[in-house]
């Protein structure tokens, strides 16, 4: 029985040293660099909402009320900052080939803005954006499954 215990201890020690050898040198290596987000026509631009055109005729077109501010600011680092009337929001974005656009979930403050407020609709629908188009100086964000189009003018 002592032979088995001695052998097991030796095998365990060898395995531990082998694992320590595999992981020990990674602490001296510099961390891998994360590539910057791909440059797009959106990077460094700011936009103000003009309207939202729903593909559902019953909903039609929604426009911001007088004095309301709904803006998007596309950072060069892939950050998306937004003004949602009396709230502020943040998300990430990535622009791809053929004007594909992915926007992550929106984190925002939750103050009760005067009604009607389309800020909640904007924040909820931005993660559904599939692509963008720049036309006549305006930005158009098309939603997945023909859900509608947001139109923005430059700030």
Protein backbone atom coordinates (compact mmCIF):
# COMPACT_ATOMS: atom_id res chain seq x y z
CA UNK A 1 0.00 0.00 0.00
CA UNK A 2 2.87 2.36 0.71
CA UNK A 3 4.14 1.91 -2.88
CA UNK A 4 0.80 3.15 -4.28
CA UNK A 5 0.75 6.18 -1.97
CA UNK A 6 4.34 7.13 -2.83
CA UNK A 7 3.63 6.73 -6.53
CA UNK A 8 0.40 8.82 -6.29
CA UNK A 9 2.21 11.59 -4.41
CA UNK A 10 5.01 11.63 -7.00
CA UNK A 11 2.52 11.70 -9.89
CA UNK A 12 0.52 14.49 -8.23
CA UNK A 13 3.69 16.53 -7.64
CA UNK A 14 4.80 16.06 -11.27
CA UNK A 15 1.37 17.10 -12.54
CA UNK A 16 1.37 20.18 -10.31
CA UNK A 17 4.83 21.23 -11.50
CA UNK A 18 3.83 20.69 -15.13
CA UNK A 19 0.74 22.87 -14.67
CA UNK A 20 2.72 25.52 -12.82
CA UNK A 21 5.20 25.57 -15.68
CA UNK A 22 2.39 26.10 -18.19
CA UNK A 23 0.80 28.99 -16.35
CA UNK A 24 3.83 30.59 -14.73
CA UNK A 25 5.16 32.37 -17.81
CA UNK A 26 1.87 34.03 -18.77
CA UNK A 27 2.21 36.51 -15.92
CA UNK A 28 5.33 37.94 -17.57
CA UNK A 29 3.73 38.28 -21.01
CA UNK A 30 1.97 41.56 -21.81
CA UNK A 31 -1.81 41.25 -22.22
CA UNK A 32 -3.11 40.81 -25.74
CA UNK A 33 -4.08 44.10 -27.34
CA UNK A 34 -7.74 44.51 -28.23
CA UNK A 35 -8.10 45.91 -31.73
CA UNK A 36 -9.98 49.20 -31.98
CA UNK A 37 -13.50 49.06 -33.42
CA UNK A 38 -13.68 49.23 -37.18
CA UNK A 39 -13.94 52.76 -38.48
CA UNK A 40 -17.27 53.62 -40.01
CA UNK A 41 -19.04 56.61 -41.44
CA UNK A 42 -20.71 56.96 -38.03
CA UNK A 43 -17.61 57.28 -35.88
CA UNK A 44 -17.38 60.74 -34.30
CA UNK A 45 -20.81 61.92 -35.53
CA UNK A 46 -23.81 63.34 -33.65
CA UNK A 47 -27.45 63.19 -34.73
CA UNK A 48 -30.86 64.54 -33.68
CA UNK A 49 -34.04 62.49 -34.19
CA UNK A 50 -36.33 63.79 -36.93
CA UNK A 51 -38.95 61.01 -36.88
CA UNK A 52 -39.70 57.33 -36.57
CA UNK A 53 -41.61 55.77 -39.45
CA UNK A 54 -43.25 52.52 -38.39
CA UNK A 55 -43.91 49.86 -41.01
CA UNK A 56 -47.25 49.36 -39.25
CA UNK A 57 -49.68 51.81 -40.87
CA UNK A 58 -51.71 51.90 -37.66
CA UNK A 59 -48.71 53.45 -35.83
CA UNK A 60 -47.60 55.71 -38.67
CA UNK A 61 -44.94 58.35 -38.06
CA UNK A 62 -43.89 59.63 -34.64
CA UNK A 63 -42.02 62.93 -34.35
CA UNK A 64 -40.40 64.58 -31.32
CA UNK A 65 -42.54 67.18 -29.63
CA UNK A 66 -41.58 70.86 -29.50
CA UNK A 67 -38.55 71.40 -27.29
CA UNK A 68 -37.82 67.66 -26.99
CA UNK A 69 -34.29 66.41 -27.60
CA UNK A 70 -33.41 62.91 -28.77
CA UNK A 71 -29.78 62.62 -29.88
CA UNK A 72 -27.18 59.98 -30.67
CA UNK A 73 -23.40 60.48 -30.46
CA UNK A 74 -21.28 57.74 -32.06
CA UNK A 75 -17.86 57.64 -30.39
CA UNK A 76 -14.72 56.49 -32.17
CA UNK A 77 -14.32 53.86 -29.42
CA UNK A 78 -17.60 52.05 -30.17
CA UNK A 79 -19.55 53.89 -27.44
CA UNK A 80 -22.97 55.33 -28.21
CA UNK A 81 -24.17 58.19 -25.99
CA UNK A 82 -27.74 59.41 -26.20
CA UNK A 83 -30.08 62.08 -24.92
CA UNK A 84 -33.59 60.70 -24.51
CA UNK A 85 -35.47 63.90 -23.70
CA UNK A 86 -35.11 64.16 -19.90
CA UNK A 87 -33.03 60.96 -19.69
CA UNK A 88 -29.53 60.00 -20.77
CA UNK A 89 -28.47 56.63 -22.16
CA UNK A 90 -25.43 54.63 -23.21
CA UNK A 91 -24.84 51.60 -25.39
CA UNK A 92 -22.16 50.12 -27.61
CA UNK A 93 -22.23 49.88 -31.36
CA UNK A 94 -20.35 48.10 -34.12
CA UNK A 95 -20.62 48.93 -37.80
CA UNK A 96 -19.90 46.18 -40.28
CA UNK A 97 -19.74 45.53 -43.98
CA UNK A 98 -22.59 46.70 -46.21
CA UNK A 99 -23.67 49.27 -43.60
CA UNK A 100 -24.65 46.61 -41.07
CA UNK A 101 -25.05 48.10 -37.61
CA UNK A 102 -25.30 46.36 -34.25
CA UNK A 103 -26.30 48.34 -31.16
CA UNK A 104 -26.08 46.74 -27.74
CA UNK A 105 -28.66 47.03 -24.97
CA UNK A 106 -29.32 50.58 -23.82
CA UNK A 107 -28.65 51.55 -20.22
CA UNK A 108 -30.48 54.76 -19.31
CA UNK A 109 -31.73 56.87 -16.49
CA UNK A 110 -35.45 56.48 -15.79
CA UNK A 111 -36.84 59.92 -15.02
CA UNK A 112 -40.49 60.39 -15.92
CA UNK A 113 -40.45 62.71 -18.92
CA UNK A 114 -43.56 64.67 -19.89
CA UNK A 115 -45.82 62.71 -22.23
CA UNK A 116 -45.89 61.97 -25.09
CA UNK A 117 -42.30 60.77 -24.91
CA UNK A 118 -40.74 58.65 -27.64
CA UNK A 119 -37.47 58.30 -25.72
CA UNK A 120 -38.55 54.95 -24.27
CA UNK A 121 -39.43 53.70 -27.76
CA UNK A 122 -36.08 54.88 -29.10
CA UNK A 123 -34.12 53.20 -26.26
CA UNK A 124 -36.11 49.97 -26.58
CA UNK A 125 -35.83 49.76 -30.38
CA UNK A 126 -32.15 50.72 -30.90
CA UNK A 127 -30.96 47.14 -30.20
CA UNK A 128 -33.26 46.08 -33.09
CA UNK A 129 -31.34 48.18 -35.63
CA UNK A 130 -29.98 46.08 -38.49
CA UNK A 131 -28.40 48.66 -40.81
CA UNK A 132 -27.83 52.32 -41.48
CA UNK A 133 -27.89 54.58 -44.52
CA UNK A 134 -26.44 58.05 -44.95
CA UNK A 135 -28.52 59.93 -47.54
CA UNK A 136 -28.91 63.64 -48.26
CA UNK A 137 -27.03 64.46 -45.06
CA UNK A 138 -29.41 62.40 -42.89
CA UNK A 139 -28.88 59.14 -41.03
CA UNK A 140 -31.50 56.40 -41.42
CA UNK A 141 -31.50 53.44 -39.02
CA UNK A 142 -33.50 50.47 -40.33
CA UNK A 143 -34.92 48.01 -37.81
CA UNK A 144 -34.82 44.23 -38.20
CA UNK A 145 -37.75 42.44 -39.81
CA UNK A 146 -38.99 45.62 -41.47
CA UNK A 147 -39.91 47.10 -38.09
CA UNK A 148 -39.51 50.71 -39.15
CA UNK A 149 -36.93 53.43 -39.76
CA UNK A 150 -35.51 56.15 -37.51
CA UNK A 151 -34.45 59.31 -39.34
CA UNK A 152 -31.83 61.62 -37.82
CA UNK A 153 -30.44 65.00 -38.93
CA UNK A 154 -26.87 66.04 -38.16
CA UNK A 155 -26.28 68.15 -35.04
